[in-house]
Amino acid sequence: VIEVNSHGRLMDPPSRNSMWRFGFPNPVNYNDNELFCGGYA
């Protein structure tokens, strides 16, 4: 494998940006699988 590009979201337990999917009153973020948590892009 030379290069891997992927997307993901934390669902169990839900992260703050995905909590709206479970009915929590957090702001809706439809791009919750595209956030960057540091590192190199």
PDB file of N, CA and C in Angstrom:
ATOM      1  N   VAL A   1       0.848  -1.171   0.000  1.00  0.00           N
ATOM      2  CA  VAL A   1       0.000   0.000   0.000  1.00  0.00           C
ATOM      3  C   VAL A   1       0.896   1.236   0.000  1.00  0.00           C
ATOM      4  N   ILE A   2       0.690   2.089  -0.964  1.00  0.00           N
ATOM      5  CA  ILE A   2       1.487   3.308  -1.069  1.00  0.00           C
ATOM      6  C   ILE A   2       0.830   4.461  -0.322  1.00  0.00           C
ATOM      7  N   GLU A   3      -0.483   4.621  -0.480  1.00  0.00           N
ATOM      8  CA  GLU A   3      -1.190   5.742   0.131  1.00  0.00           C
ATOM      9  C   GLU A   3      -2.615   5.336   0.455  1.00  0.00           C
ATOM     10  N   VAL A   4      -3.123   5.816   1.578  1.00  0.00           N
ATOM     11  CA  VAL A   4      -4.495   5.541   1.983  1.00  0.00           C
ATOM     12  C   VAL A   4      -5.165   6.860   2.339  1.00  0.00           C
ATOM     13  N   ASN A   5      -6.342   7.117   1.781  1.00  0.00           N
ATOM     14  CA  ASN A   5      -7.156   8.280   2.116  1.00  0.00           C
ATOM     15  C   ASN A   5      -8.472   7.765   2.669  1.00  0.00           C
ATOM     16  N   SER A   6      -8.898   8.282   3.810  1.00  0.00           N
ATOM     17  CA  SER A   6     -10.133   7.778   4.402  1.00  0.00           C
ATOM     18  C   SER A   6     -10.839   8.871   5.195  1.00  0.00           C
ATOM     19  N   HIS A   7     -12.087   8.596   5.545  1.00  0.00           N
ATOM     20  CA  HIS A   7     -12.903   9.465   6.386  1.00  0.00           C
ATOM     21  C   HIS A   7     -13.499   8.599   7.486  1.00  0.00           C
ATOM     22  N   GLY A   8     -13.846   9.213   8.590  1.00  0.00           N
ATOM     23  CA  GLY A   8     -14.472   8.469   9.672  1.00  0.00           C
ATOM     24  C   GLY A   8     -15.047   9.402  10.710  1.00  0.00           C
ATOM     25  N   ARG A   9     -15.883   8.833  11.556  1.00  0.00           N
ATOM     26  CA  ARG A   9     -16.448   9.610  12.660  1.00  0.00           C
ATOM     27  C   ARG A   9     -16.562   8.689  13.858  1.00  0.00           C
ATOM     28  N   LEU A  10     -16.449   9.283  15.055  1.00  0.00           N
ATOM     29  CA  LEU A  10     -16.556   8.529  16.296  1.00  0.00           C
ATOM     30  C   LEU A  10     -18.027   8.454  16.687  1.00  0.00           C
ATOM     31  N   MET A  11     -18.589   7.236  16.687  1.00  0.00           N
ATOM     32  CA  MET A  11     -20.011   7.060  16.954  1.00  0.00           C
ATOM     33  C   MET A  11     -20.299   6.381  18.291  1.00  0.00           C
ATOM     34  N   ASP A  12     -19.351   5.654  18.862  1.00  0.00           N
ATOM     35  CA  ASP A  12     -19.602   4.945  20.116  1.00  0.00           C
ATOM     36  C   ASP A  12     -18.393   5.045  21.018  1.00  0.00           C
ATOM     37  N   PRO A  13     -18.334   5.978  21.916  1.00  0.00           N
ATOM     38  CA  PRO A  13     -19.343   6.996  22.210  1.00  0.00           C
ATOM     39  C   PRO A  13     -19.298   8.103  21.162  1.00  0.00           C
ATOM     40  N   PRO A  14     -20.412   8.785  20.933  1.00  0.00           N
ATOM     41  CA  PRO A  14     -20.421   9.829  19.907  1.00  0.00           C
ATOM     42  C   PRO A  14     -19.551  11.021  20.301  1.00  0.00           C
ATOM     43  N   SER A  15     -18.821  11.527  19.338  1.00  0.00           N
ATOM     44  CA  SER A  15     -18.027  12.733  19.580  1.00  0.00           C
ATOM     45  C   SER A  15     -18.957  13.947  19.611  1.00  0.00           C
ATOM     46  N   ARG A  16     -18.444  15.076  20.078  1.00  0.00           N
ATOM     47  CA  ARG A  16     -19.285  16.277  20.191  1.00  0.00           C
ATOM     48  C   ARG A  16     -19.863  16.696  18.849  1.00  0.00           C
ATOM     49  N   ASN A  17     -19.116  16.530  17.766  1.00  0.00           N
ATOM     50  CA  ASN A  17     -19.626  16.961  16.465  1.00  0.00           C
ATOM     51  C   ASN A  17     -20.592  15.950  15.858  1.00  0.00           C
ATOM     52  N   SER A  18     -20.751  14.761  16.429  1.00  0.00           N
ATOM     53  CA  SER A  18     -21.694  13.755  15.926  1.00  0.00           C
ATOM     54  C   SER A  18     -22.868  13.522  16.871  1.00  0.00           C
ATOM     55  N   MET A  19     -22.895  14.199  18.018  1.00  0.00           N
ATOM     56  CA  MET A  19     -23.952  13.954  19.004  1.00  0.00           C
ATOM     57  C   MET A  19     -25.337  14.309  18.477  1.00  0.00           C
ATOM     58  N   TRP A  20     -25.440  15.245  17.541  1.00  0.00           N
ATOM     59  CA  TRP A  20     -26.739  15.626  16.996  1.00  0.00           C
ATOM     60  C   TRP A  20     -27.410  14.446  16.302  1.00  0.00           C
ATOM     61  N   ARG A  21     -26.641  13.498  15.810  1.00  0.00           N
ATOM     62  CA  ARG A  21     -27.200  12.314  15.148  1.00  0.00           C
ATOM     63  C   ARG A  21     -27.961  11.420  16.129  1.00  0.00           C
ATOM     64  N   PHE A  22     -27.704  11.585  17.427  1.00  0.00           N
ATOM     65  CA  PHE A  22     -28.356  10.786  18.457  1.00  0.00           C
ATOM     66  C   PHE A  22     -29.400  11.578  19.229  1.00  0.00           C
ATOM     67  N   GLY A  23     -29.747  12.768  18.734  1.00  0.00           N
ATOM     68  CA  GLY A  23     -30.803  13.558  19.349  1.00  0.00           C
ATOM     69  C   GLY A  23     -30.342  14.572  20.376  1.00  0.00           C
ATOM     70  N   PHE A  24     -29.042  14.707  20.587  1.00  0.00           N
ATOM     71  CA  PHE A  24     -28.548  15.719  21.514  1.00  0.00           C
ATOM     72  C   PHE A  24     -28.698  17.101  20.876  1.00  0.00           C
ATOM     73  N   PRO A  25     -28.848  18.149  21.688  1.00  0.00           N
ATOM     74  CA  PRO A  25     -29.078  19.492  21.132  1.00  0.00           C
ATOM     75  C   PRO A  25     -27.804  20.199  20.659  1.00  0.00           C
ATOM     76  N   ASN A  26     -26.850  19.468  20.159  1.00  0.00           N
ATOM     77  CA  ASN A  26     -25.626  20.071  19.629  1.00  0.00           C
ATOM     78  C   ASN A  26     -25.887  20.650  18.245  1.00  0.00           C
ATOM     79  N   PRO A  27     -25.073  21.612  17.811  1.00  0.00           N
ATOM     80  CA  PRO A  27     -25.217  22.133  16.451  1.00  0.00           C
ATOM     81  C   PRO A  27     -25.017  21.024  15.416  1.00  0.00           C
ATOM     82  N   VAL A  28     -25.810  21.069  14.361  1.00  0.00           N
ATOM     83  CA  VAL A  28     -25.723  20.060  13.299  1.00  0.00           C
ATOM     84  C   VAL A  28     -24.472  20.301  12.473  1.00  0.00           C
ATOM     85  N   ASN A  29     -23.709  19.249  12.260  1.00  0.00           N
ATOM     86  CA  ASN A  29     -22.497  19.314  11.445  1.00  0.00           C
ATOM     87  C   ASN A  29     -22.538  18.149  10.467  1.00  0.00           C
ATOM     88  N   TYR A  30     -22.974  18.421   9.235  1.00  0.00           N
ATOM     89  CA  TYR A  30     -23.087  17.360   8.235  1.00  0.00           C
ATOM     90  C   TYR A  30     -21.726  16.874   7.751  1.00  0.00           C
ATOM     91  N   ASN A  31     -20.674  17.615   8.043  1.00  0.00           N
ATOM     92  CA  ASN A  31     -19.317  17.209   7.659  1.00  0.00           C
ATOM     93  C   ASN A  31     -18.565  16.629   8.854  1.00  0.00           C
ATOM     94  N   ASP A  32     -19.268  15.932   9.724  1.00  0.00           N
ATOM     95  CA  ASP A  32     -18.620  15.417  10.930  1.00  0.00           C
ATOM     96  C   ASP A  32     -17.650  14.274  10.650  1.00  0.00           C
ATOM     97  N   ASN A  33     -17.555  13.834   9.426  1.00  0.00           N
ATOM     98  CA  ASN A  33     -16.563  12.810   9.079  1.00  0.00           C
ATOM     99  C   ASN A  33     -15.344  13.421   8.393  1.00  0.00           C
ATOM    100  N   GLU A  34     -15.255  14.739   8.317  1.00  0.00           N
ATOM    101  CA  GLU A  34     -14.163  15.391   7.594  1.00  0.00           C
ATOM    102  C   GLU A  34     -13.342  16.329   8.471  1.00  0.00           C
ATOM    103  N   LEU A  35     -13.405  16.184   9.776  1.00  0.00           N
ATOM    104  CA  LEU A  35     -12.663  17.083  10.655  1.00  0.00           C
ATOM    105  C   LEU A  35     -11.212  16.648  10.757  1.00  0.00           C
ATOM    106  N   PHE A  36     -10.351  17.592  11.063  1.00  0.00           N
ATOM    107  CA  PHE A  36      -8.923  17.321  11.179  1.00  0.00           C
ATOM    108  C   PHE A  36      -8.518  17.499  12.637  1.00  0.00           C
ATOM    109  N   CYS A  37      -7.825  16.530  13.186  1.00  0.00           N
ATOM    110  CA  CYS A  37      -7.429  16.588  14.595  1.00  0.00           C
ATOM    111  C   CYS A  37      -5.924  16.752  14.729  1.00  0.00           C
ATOM    112  N   GLY A  38      -5.316  17.398  13.770  1.00  0.00           N
ATOM    113  CA  GLY A  38      -3.878  17.634  13.833  1.00  0.00           C
ATOM    114  C   GLY A  38      -3.123  16.721  12.885  1.00  0.00           C
ATOM    115  N   GLY A  39      -1.846  16.777  12.970  1.00  0.00           N
ATOM    116  CA  GLY A  39      -1.034  15.951  12.084  1.00  0.00           C
ATOM    117  C   GLY A  39      -0.762  16.663  10.772  1.00  0.00           C
ATOM    118  N   TYR A  40      -0.410  15.905   9.787  1.00  0.00           N
ATOM    119  CA  TYR A  40      -0.064  16.449   8.476  1.00  0.00           C
ATOM    120  C   TYR A  40      -1.181  16.180   7.495  1.00  0.00           C
ATOM    121  N   ALA A  41      -1.457  17.141   6.634  1.00  0.00           N
ATOM    122  CA  ALA A  41      -2.500  16.980   5.628  1.00  0.00           C
ATOM    123  C   ALA A  41      -1.894  17.021   4.245  1.00  0.00           C
TER     124      ALA A  41
END
